[in-house]
């Protein structure tokens, strides 16, 4: 059996594809198009006209989504009181993507800034309850470089806490 990440079959977009449940799938598709530049690849509707399955392309990745259906035990973050997952979207320009998402109706959560792990990174919450991280890679770092930077950040923060608290 091939290792994870090496499945390349015709018609299979990637080894892992996120699938989300939303309340108002048609509105969500429109929002994701306006906010993040998503391209609708497929829309399947049920007899009631609700979206049973849709596929949106974000660059080289797909996102699956469908309308909330409590009868099938498929509930949106709005019904659950929050989302248990977030989506991380790599973009050419995190600052521009953040502004575009907010302009389309997303709620700013973390303003875009340079992060120790080598990304320009910010987060927004969409109108359907999902958190989106918008990131542009600015440096290619090894795992040990990221760990070392994280440790320096923790140490710096502890020193600041000691100064503020002392």
N, C-alpha and C. Protein backbone atom coordinates (compact mmCIF):
# COMPACT_ATOMS: atom_id res chain seq x y z
N UNK A 1 0.85 -1.17 0.00
CA UNK A 1 0.00 0.00 0.00
C UNK A 1 0.90 1.24 0.00
N UNK A 2 0.59 2.23 -0.86
CA UNK A 2 1.44 3.43 -0.90
C UNK A 2 1.27 4.26 0.36
N UNK A 3 2.31 5.01 0.75
CA UNK A 3 2.20 5.87 1.93
C UNK A 3 1.23 7.02 1.68
N UNK A 4 0.72 7.60 2.77
CA UNK A 4 -0.16 8.76 2.64
C UNK A 4 0.54 9.85 1.85
N UNK A 5 -0.22 10.56 1.04
CA UNK A 5 0.35 11.67 0.28
C UNK A 5 0.87 11.26 -1.08
N UNK A 6 0.82 9.96 -1.40
CA UNK A 6 1.36 9.55 -2.69
C UNK A 6 0.28 9.00 -3.61
N UNK A 7 -0.97 9.18 -3.27
CA UNK A 7 -2.06 8.73 -4.14
C UNK A 7 -2.29 9.75 -5.24
N UNK A 8 -2.01 9.38 -6.44
CA UNK A 8 -2.25 10.27 -7.58
C UNK A 8 -3.02 9.49 -8.62
N UNK A 9 -4.33 9.54 -8.50
CA UNK A 9 -5.21 8.85 -9.44
C UNK A 9 -6.00 9.88 -10.21
N UNK A 10 -6.32 9.57 -11.43
CA UNK A 10 -7.15 10.44 -12.24
C UNK A 10 -8.44 10.75 -11.49
N UNK A 11 -8.76 12.02 -11.34
CA UNK A 11 -10.01 12.41 -10.70
C UNK A 11 -9.94 12.56 -9.20
N UNK A 12 -8.84 12.17 -8.56
CA UNK A 12 -8.68 12.34 -7.12
C UNK A 12 -7.87 13.61 -6.91
N UNK A 13 -8.48 14.66 -6.31
CA UNK A 13 -7.80 15.96 -6.22
C UNK A 13 -6.56 15.93 -5.33
N UNK A 14 -6.64 15.28 -4.18
CA UNK A 14 -5.51 15.18 -3.27
C UNK A 14 -5.82 14.08 -2.27
N UNK A 15 -4.86 13.76 -1.44
CA UNK A 15 -5.05 12.69 -0.49
C UNK A 15 -6.08 13.05 0.58
N UNK A 16 -6.15 14.31 0.96
CA UNK A 16 -7.10 14.76 1.97
C UNK A 16 -7.83 15.99 1.45
N UNK A 17 -9.16 15.95 1.51
CA UNK A 17 -9.98 17.07 1.09
C UNK A 17 -10.96 17.39 2.21
N UNK A 18 -10.98 18.65 2.65
CA UNK A 18 -11.92 19.06 3.70
C UNK A 18 -13.34 19.03 3.16
N UNK A 19 -14.28 18.66 4.03
CA UNK A 19 -15.70 18.63 3.69
C UNK A 19 -16.43 19.31 4.83
N UNK A 20 -17.08 20.45 4.54
CA UNK A 20 -17.75 21.20 5.58
C UNK A 20 -19.26 21.21 5.38
N UNK A 21 -19.96 21.44 6.47
CA UNK A 21 -21.42 21.54 6.47
C UNK A 21 -21.76 22.98 6.82
N UNK A 22 -22.64 23.58 6.04
CA UNK A 22 -23.02 24.98 6.27
C UNK A 22 -24.53 25.12 6.26
N UNK A 23 -25.02 26.19 6.86
CA UNK A 23 -26.42 26.57 6.77
C UNK A 23 -26.47 27.67 5.71
N UNK A 24 -27.12 27.39 4.60
CA UNK A 24 -27.17 28.35 3.50
C UNK A 24 -26.06 28.08 2.50
N UNK A 25 -26.02 26.88 1.95
CA UNK A 25 -24.92 26.47 1.07
C UNK A 25 -24.76 27.37 -0.15
N UNK A 26 -25.85 27.79 -0.75
CA UNK A 26 -25.74 28.66 -1.93
C UNK A 26 -25.10 30.00 -1.55
N UNK A 27 -25.49 30.55 -0.40
CA UNK A 27 -24.87 31.79 0.09
C UNK A 27 -23.40 31.57 0.41
N UNK A 28 -23.08 30.41 0.97
CA UNK A 28 -21.69 30.11 1.31
C UNK A 28 -20.84 30.04 0.04
N UNK A 29 -21.33 29.38 -0.98
CA UNK A 29 -20.59 29.29 -2.24
C UNK A 29 -20.34 30.69 -2.80
N UNK A 30 -21.36 31.52 -2.77
CA UNK A 30 -21.19 32.89 -3.26
C UNK A 30 -20.16 33.64 -2.42
N UNK A 31 -20.24 33.50 -1.11
CA UNK A 31 -19.28 34.17 -0.23
C UNK A 31 -17.86 33.68 -0.52
N UNK A 32 -17.64 32.37 -0.60
CA UNK A 32 -16.29 31.83 -0.84
C UNK A 32 -15.74 32.27 -2.19
N UNK A 33 -16.63 32.44 -3.16
CA UNK A 33 -16.21 32.96 -4.46
C UNK A 33 -15.73 34.41 -4.32
N UNK A 34 -16.54 35.24 -3.65
CA UNK A 34 -16.19 36.65 -3.50
C UNK A 34 -15.01 36.86 -2.55
N UNK A 35 -14.99 36.15 -1.45
CA UNK A 35 -13.97 36.38 -0.41
C UNK A 35 -12.63 35.76 -0.74
N UNK A 36 -12.64 34.56 -1.31
CA UNK A 36 -11.40 33.81 -1.49
C UNK A 36 -11.10 33.42 -2.94
N UNK A 37 -11.95 33.82 -3.87
CA UNK A 37 -11.72 33.50 -5.27
C UNK A 37 -12.01 32.05 -5.63
N UNK A 38 -12.85 31.38 -4.84
CA UNK A 38 -13.18 29.97 -5.12
C UNK A 38 -13.89 29.85 -6.47
N UNK A 39 -13.68 28.72 -7.11
CA UNK A 39 -14.34 28.41 -8.38
C UNK A 39 -15.22 27.18 -8.15
N UNK A 40 -16.49 27.31 -8.45
CA UNK A 40 -17.41 26.18 -8.28
C UNK A 40 -17.17 25.15 -9.38
N UNK A 41 -16.85 23.93 -8.98
CA UNK A 41 -16.59 22.84 -9.92
C UNK A 41 -17.83 21.96 -10.11
N UNK A 42 -18.59 21.78 -9.03
CA UNK A 42 -19.73 20.86 -9.09
C UNK A 42 -20.76 21.29 -8.06
N UNK A 43 -22.05 21.15 -8.45
CA UNK A 43 -23.16 21.40 -7.52
C UNK A 43 -24.22 20.34 -7.79
N UNK A 44 -24.57 19.60 -6.75
CA UNK A 44 -25.63 18.60 -6.84
C UNK A 44 -26.73 19.01 -5.86
N UNK A 45 -27.95 19.09 -6.37
CA UNK A 45 -29.06 19.47 -5.50
C UNK A 45 -29.98 18.28 -5.29
N UNK A 46 -30.62 18.27 -4.14
CA UNK A 46 -31.59 17.23 -3.83
C UNK A 46 -32.95 17.61 -4.36
N UNK A 47 -33.94 16.73 -4.17
CA UNK A 47 -35.30 16.99 -4.65
C UNK A 47 -35.89 18.28 -4.08
N UNK A 48 -35.42 18.68 -2.89
CA UNK A 48 -35.93 19.90 -2.26
C UNK A 48 -35.21 21.15 -2.75
N UNK A 49 -34.25 20.98 -3.67
CA UNK A 49 -33.50 22.11 -4.21
C UNK A 49 -32.29 22.51 -3.37
N UNK A 50 -32.13 21.90 -2.20
CA UNK A 50 -30.98 22.20 -1.34
C UNK A 50 -29.72 21.56 -1.92
N UNK A 51 -28.59 22.16 -1.62
CA UNK A 51 -27.32 21.64 -2.13
C UNK A 51 -26.91 20.43 -1.30
N UNK A 52 -26.91 19.27 -1.95
CA UNK A 52 -26.54 18.03 -1.29
C UNK A 52 -25.03 17.84 -1.30
N UNK A 53 -24.38 18.39 -2.31
CA UNK A 53 -22.91 18.29 -2.42
C UNK A 53 -22.44 19.35 -3.41
N UNK A 54 -21.37 20.04 -3.03
CA UNK A 54 -20.74 21.00 -3.95
C UNK A 54 -19.23 20.86 -3.79
N UNK A 55 -18.53 21.17 -4.86
CA UNK A 55 -17.07 21.15 -4.85
C UNK A 55 -16.57 22.50 -5.33
N UNK A 56 -15.73 23.12 -4.50
CA UNK A 56 -15.15 24.42 -4.82
C UNK A 56 -13.65 24.28 -4.94
N UNK A 57 -13.09 24.90 -5.97
CA UNK A 57 -11.64 24.86 -6.17
C UNK A 57 -11.02 26.14 -5.62
N UNK A 58 -9.98 25.93 -4.80
CA UNK A 58 -9.14 27.00 -4.27
C UNK A 58 -7.73 26.69 -4.74
N UNK A 59 -7.29 27.32 -5.80
CA UNK A 59 -5.97 26.99 -6.34
C UNK A 59 -5.94 25.55 -6.79
N UNK A 60 -5.04 24.75 -6.18
CA UNK A 60 -4.94 23.34 -6.58
C UNK A 60 -5.67 22.41 -5.61
N UNK A 61 -6.50 22.96 -4.72
CA UNK A 61 -7.22 22.14 -3.74
C UNK A 61 -8.72 22.29 -3.90
N UNK A 62 -9.43 21.25 -3.46
CA UNK A 62 -10.89 21.29 -3.46
C UNK A 62 -11.40 21.38 -2.03
N UNK A 63 -12.56 22.00 -1.88
CA UNK A 63 -13.30 22.00 -0.63
C UNK A 63 -14.68 21.47 -0.98
N UNK A 64 -15.11 20.45 -0.25
CA UNK A 64 -16.46 19.93 -0.42
C UNK A 64 -17.35 20.60 0.62
N UNK A 65 -18.60 20.84 0.24
CA UNK A 65 -19.55 21.36 1.22
C UNK A 65 -20.95 20.90 0.88
N UNK A 66 -21.80 20.92 1.89
CA UNK A 66 -23.20 20.61 1.70
C UNK A 66 -24.04 21.37 2.71
N UNK A 67 -25.31 21.43 2.39
CA UNK A 67 -26.29 22.09 3.26
C UNK A 67 -26.46 21.26 4.53
N UNK A 68 -26.62 21.95 5.63
CA UNK A 68 -26.90 21.31 6.90
C UNK A 68 -28.15 20.44 6.77
N UNK A 69 -28.13 19.27 7.40
CA UNK A 69 -29.27 18.36 7.37
C UNK A 69 -29.35 17.63 8.70
N UNK A 70 -30.08 18.19 9.67
CA UNK A 70 -30.18 17.54 10.98
C UNK A 70 -30.72 16.11 10.90
N UNK A 71 -31.58 15.83 9.90
CA UNK A 71 -32.11 14.47 9.75
C UNK A 71 -31.00 13.46 9.48
N UNK A 72 -29.91 13.93 8.83
CA UNK A 72 -28.76 13.06 8.53
C UNK A 72 -27.62 13.28 9.54
N UNK A 73 -27.92 14.02 10.61
CA UNK A 73 -26.94 14.34 11.65
C UNK A 73 -25.77 15.13 11.09
N UNK A 74 -26.05 16.01 10.13
CA UNK A 74 -25.04 16.90 9.56
C UNK A 74 -25.41 18.32 9.96
N UNK A 75 -24.64 18.87 10.92
CA UNK A 75 -24.96 20.18 11.47
C UNK A 75 -23.84 21.18 11.20
N UNK A 76 -24.24 22.41 11.00
CA UNK A 76 -23.30 23.50 10.72
C UNK A 76 -22.76 24.06 12.03
N UNK A 77 -21.68 24.85 11.96
CA UNK A 77 -21.19 25.53 13.16
C UNK A 77 -22.26 26.41 13.81
N UNK A 78 -23.15 26.97 13.01
CA UNK A 78 -24.22 27.80 13.57
C UNK A 78 -25.13 26.99 14.48
N UNK A 79 -25.42 25.73 14.12
CA UNK A 79 -26.25 24.87 14.95
C UNK A 79 -25.48 24.33 16.15
N UNK A 80 -24.20 24.12 15.98
CA UNK A 80 -23.38 23.54 17.04
C UNK A 80 -22.82 24.58 18.01
N UNK A 81 -22.92 25.86 17.65
CA UNK A 81 -22.38 26.89 18.51
C UNK A 81 -20.90 27.13 18.28
N UNK A 82 -20.38 26.73 17.13
CA UNK A 82 -18.98 26.95 16.79
C UNK A 82 -18.46 25.80 15.93
N UNK A 83 -17.31 26.03 15.32
CA UNK A 83 -16.69 25.01 14.46
C UNK A 83 -15.57 24.32 15.22
N UNK A 84 -15.41 23.05 14.96
CA UNK A 84 -14.35 22.27 15.60
C UNK A 84 -13.09 22.21 14.75
N UNK A 85 -13.12 22.87 13.61
CA UNK A 85 -11.97 22.85 12.70
C UNK A 85 -11.84 24.21 12.03
N UNK A 86 -10.65 24.47 11.50
CA UNK A 86 -10.44 25.68 10.72
C UNK A 86 -9.81 25.30 9.40
N UNK A 87 -9.79 26.24 8.48
CA UNK A 87 -9.24 26.01 7.15
C UNK A 87 -8.05 26.94 6.94
N UNK A 88 -6.98 26.41 6.38
CA UNK A 88 -5.74 27.15 6.17
C UNK A 88 -5.55 27.29 4.67
N UNK A 89 -5.59 28.53 4.18
CA UNK A 89 -5.53 28.78 2.74
C UNK A 89 -4.26 29.55 2.41
N UNK A 90 -3.40 28.94 1.59
CA UNK A 90 -2.21 29.63 1.11
C UNK A 90 -2.58 30.51 -0.06
N UNK A 91 -2.12 31.75 -0.02
CA UNK A 91 -2.45 32.75 -1.03
C UNK A 91 -1.18 33.48 -1.45
N UNK A 92 -1.24 34.17 -2.58
CA UNK A 92 -0.09 34.93 -3.07
C UNK A 92 0.22 36.12 -2.17
N UNK A 93 -0.83 36.76 -1.62
CA UNK A 93 -0.66 37.98 -0.83
C UNK A 93 -1.65 37.93 0.33
N UNK A 94 -1.18 37.56 1.51
CA UNK A 94 -2.06 37.41 2.68
C UNK A 94 -2.76 38.71 3.03
N UNK A 95 -2.07 39.83 2.91
CA UNK A 95 -2.68 41.12 3.24
C UNK A 95 -3.85 41.42 2.32
N UNK A 96 -3.67 41.22 1.02
CA UNK A 96 -4.74 41.47 0.06
C UNK A 96 -5.89 40.48 0.25
N UNK A 97 -5.56 39.22 0.52
CA UNK A 97 -6.59 38.21 0.74
C UNK A 97 -7.41 38.53 1.98
N UNK A 98 -6.75 38.97 3.03
CA UNK A 98 -7.43 39.35 4.27
C UNK A 98 -8.40 40.51 4.00
N UNK A 99 -7.92 41.53 3.31
CA UNK A 99 -8.77 42.69 2.98
C UNK A 99 -9.96 42.27 2.12
N UNK A 100 -9.73 41.40 1.15
CA UNK A 100 -10.80 40.94 0.28
C UNK A 100 -11.86 40.17 1.08
N UNK A 101 -11.41 39.29 1.98
CA UNK A 101 -12.33 38.49 2.78
C UNK A 101 -13.17 39.40 3.69
N UNK A 102 -12.53 40.35 4.33
CA UNK A 102 -13.25 41.28 5.22
C UNK A 102 -14.24 42.11 4.41
N UNK A 103 -13.83 42.55 3.24
CA UNK A 103 -14.71 43.33 2.37
C UNK A 103 -15.94 42.51 1.96
N UNK A 104 -15.77 41.20 1.83
CA UNK A 104 -16.88 40.33 1.43
C UNK A 104 -17.78 39.96 2.61
N UNK A 105 -17.36 40.30 3.84
CA UNK A 105 -18.21 40.04 4.99
C UNK A 105 -17.60 39.17 6.08
N UNK A 106 -16.33 38.77 5.93
CA UNK A 106 -15.68 37.98 6.98
C UNK A 106 -15.36 38.88 8.17
N UNK A 107 -15.29 38.28 9.34
CA UNK A 107 -14.97 39.01 10.57
C UNK A 107 -13.48 38.86 10.84
N UNK A 108 -12.75 39.97 10.96
CA UNK A 108 -11.31 39.87 11.27
C UNK A 108 -11.10 39.25 12.65
N UNK A 109 -10.17 38.32 12.75
CA UNK A 109 -9.85 37.69 14.03
C UNK A 109 -8.42 38.04 14.45
N UNK A 110 -7.46 37.72 13.60
CA UNK A 110 -6.05 38.03 13.86
C UNK A 110 -5.54 38.79 12.64
N UNK A 111 -5.14 40.02 12.85
CA UNK A 111 -4.61 40.83 11.74
C UNK A 111 -3.38 40.17 11.15
N UNK A 112 -3.15 40.37 9.89
CA UNK A 112 -2.02 39.75 9.19
C UNK A 112 -0.71 40.31 9.76
N UNK A 113 0.20 39.39 10.07
CA UNK A 113 1.53 39.78 10.54
C UNK A 113 2.52 38.67 10.20
N UNK A 114 3.81 39.00 10.32
CA UNK A 114 4.85 38.00 10.07
C UNK A 114 4.94 37.08 11.28
N UNK A 115 4.95 35.77 11.02
CA UNK A 115 4.97 34.78 12.09
C UNK A 115 6.32 34.07 12.14
N UNK A 116 6.63 33.55 13.32
CA UNK A 116 7.93 32.92 13.53
C UNK A 116 8.14 31.68 12.68
N UNK A 117 7.09 31.07 12.19
CA UNK A 117 7.22 29.86 11.39
C UNK A 117 7.41 30.14 9.90
N UNK A 118 7.59 31.42 9.54
CA UNK A 118 7.93 31.75 8.16
C UNK A 118 6.76 32.05 7.26
N UNK A 119 5.68 32.53 7.84
CA UNK A 119 4.52 32.91 7.04
C UNK A 119 4.04 34.30 7.43
N UNK A 120 3.48 34.99 6.46
CA UNK A 120 2.69 36.19 6.72
C UNK A 120 1.29 35.63 6.88
N UNK A 121 0.63 35.87 8.02
CA UNK A 121 -0.51 35.06 8.45
C UNK A 121 -1.54 35.91 9.18
N UNK A 122 -2.82 35.69 8.88
CA UNK A 122 -3.92 36.30 9.59
C UNK A 122 -5.13 35.40 9.52
N UNK A 123 -6.13 35.66 10.37
CA UNK A 123 -7.32 34.81 10.36
C UNK A 123 -8.59 35.65 10.31
N UNK A 124 -9.61 35.07 9.69
CA UNK A 124 -10.94 35.65 9.63
C UNK A 124 -11.96 34.55 9.93
N UNK A 125 -13.15 34.97 10.38
CA UNK A 125 -14.26 34.02 10.54
C UNK A 125 -15.28 34.34 9.46
N UNK A 126 -15.70 33.32 8.74
CA UNK A 126 -16.69 33.54 7.69
C UNK A 126 -18.09 33.64 8.29
N UNK A 127 -19.07 34.10 7.52
CA UNK A 127 -20.43 34.27 8.05
C UNK A 127 -21.10 32.95 8.41
N UNK A 128 -20.46 31.82 8.11
CA UNK A 128 -21.06 30.51 8.35
C UNK A 128 -20.41 29.81 9.54
N UNK A 129 -19.49 30.50 10.22
CA UNK A 129 -18.91 29.99 11.46
C UNK A 129 -17.54 29.37 11.35
N UNK A 130 -16.95 29.33 10.16
CA UNK A 130 -15.63 28.71 9.99
C UNK A 130 -14.53 29.75 10.08
N UNK A 131 -13.44 29.36 10.71
CA UNK A 131 -12.25 30.19 10.83
C UNK A 131 -11.34 29.86 9.64
N UNK A 132 -10.85 30.89 8.98
CA UNK A 132 -9.94 30.74 7.83
C UNK A 132 -8.62 31.40 8.16
N UNK A 133 -7.54 30.65 8.07
CA UNK A 133 -6.20 31.22 8.16
C UNK A 133 -5.76 31.54 6.74
N UNK A 134 -5.28 32.74 6.54
CA UNK A 134 -4.80 33.18 5.22
C UNK A 134 -3.30 33.39 5.36
N UNK A 135 -2.52 32.68 4.54
CA UNK A 135 -1.08 32.69 4.74
C UNK A 135 -0.33 32.77 3.43
N UNK A 136 0.80 33.48 3.50
CA UNK A 136 1.77 33.54 2.41
C UNK A 136 3.10 33.10 2.99
N UNK A 137 3.71 32.10 2.38
CA UNK A 137 5.01 31.63 2.85
C UNK A 137 6.06 32.68 2.54
N UNK A 138 6.81 33.08 3.56
CA UNK A 138 7.85 34.09 3.38
C UNK A 138 9.25 33.51 3.54
N UNK A 139 9.35 32.39 4.22
CA UNK A 139 10.63 31.71 4.42
C UNK A 139 10.39 30.20 4.42
N UNK A 140 11.36 29.46 3.96
CA UNK A 140 11.30 28.01 4.06
C UNK A 140 12.22 27.62 5.21
N UNK A 141 11.63 27.08 6.27
CA UNK A 141 12.37 26.74 7.48
C UNK A 141 12.29 25.25 7.76
N UNK A 142 13.29 24.73 8.43
CA UNK A 142 13.25 23.34 8.87
C UNK A 142 12.43 23.27 10.16
N UNK A 143 12.03 22.07 10.54
CA UNK A 143 11.29 21.89 11.79
C UNK A 143 12.13 22.36 12.97
N UNK A 144 13.45 22.09 12.96
CA UNK A 144 14.28 22.51 14.10
C UNK A 144 14.40 24.04 14.16
N UNK A 145 14.43 24.72 13.01
CA UNK A 145 14.46 26.18 13.01
C UNK A 145 13.16 26.76 13.58
N UNK A 146 12.04 26.15 13.22
CA UNK A 146 10.75 26.61 13.74
C UNK A 146 10.69 26.39 15.25
N UNK A 147 11.12 25.21 15.72
CA UNK A 147 11.13 24.93 17.16
C UNK A 147 12.01 25.94 17.91
N UNK A 148 13.19 26.25 17.36
CA UNK A 148 14.10 27.19 18.01
C UNK A 148 13.47 28.58 18.09
N UNK A 149 12.82 29.01 17.02
CA UNK A 149 12.15 30.31 17.03
C UNK A 149 11.00 30.33 18.03
N UNK A 150 10.25 29.24 18.09
CA UNK A 150 9.15 29.15 19.05
C UNK A 150 9.69 29.24 20.47
N UNK A 151 10.79 28.56 20.75
CA UNK A 151 11.39 28.61 22.08
C UNK A 151 11.84 30.02 22.44
N UNK A 152 12.47 30.71 21.48
CA UNK A 152 12.90 32.10 21.73
C UNK A 152 11.69 33.00 22.02
N UNK A 153 10.60 32.76 21.31
CA UNK A 153 9.39 33.55 21.53
C UNK A 153 8.83 33.30 22.93
N UNK A 154 8.80 32.04 23.35
CA UNK A 154 8.32 31.69 24.69
C UNK A 154 9.20 32.34 25.75
N UNK A 155 10.51 32.25 25.55
CA UNK A 155 11.45 32.84 26.52
C UNK A 155 11.30 34.36 26.58
N UNK A 156 11.15 34.99 25.43
CA UNK A 156 10.98 36.45 25.37
C UNK A 156 9.68 36.86 26.07
N UNK A 157 8.63 36.10 25.84
CA UNK A 157 7.34 36.39 26.46
C UNK A 157 7.42 36.22 27.97
N UNK A 158 8.13 35.18 28.42
CA UNK A 158 8.28 34.95 29.86
C UNK A 158 9.05 36.10 30.51
N UNK A 159 10.08 36.60 29.84
CA UNK A 159 10.85 37.72 30.37
C UNK A 159 9.97 38.97 30.48
N UNK A 160 9.16 39.21 29.43
CA UNK A 160 8.27 40.37 29.45
C UNK A 160 7.25 40.23 30.58
N UNK A 161 6.74 39.02 30.80
CA UNK A 161 5.79 38.78 31.89
C UNK A 161 6.45 39.05 33.22
N UNK A 162 7.72 38.64 33.37
CA UNK A 162 8.46 38.85 34.61
C UNK A 162 8.69 40.32 34.88
N UNK A 163 9.00 41.06 33.82
CA UNK A 163 9.23 42.51 33.96
C UNK A 163 7.92 43.19 34.31
N UNK A 164 6.85 42.81 33.61
CA UNK A 164 5.54 43.45 33.84
C UNK A 164 5.01 43.08 35.21
N UNK A 165 5.27 41.82 35.63
CA UNK A 165 4.71 41.37 36.90
C UNK A 165 5.59 41.75 38.08
N UNK A 166 6.87 42.16 37.87
CA UNK A 166 7.79 42.39 38.97
C UNK A 166 7.81 43.78 39.37
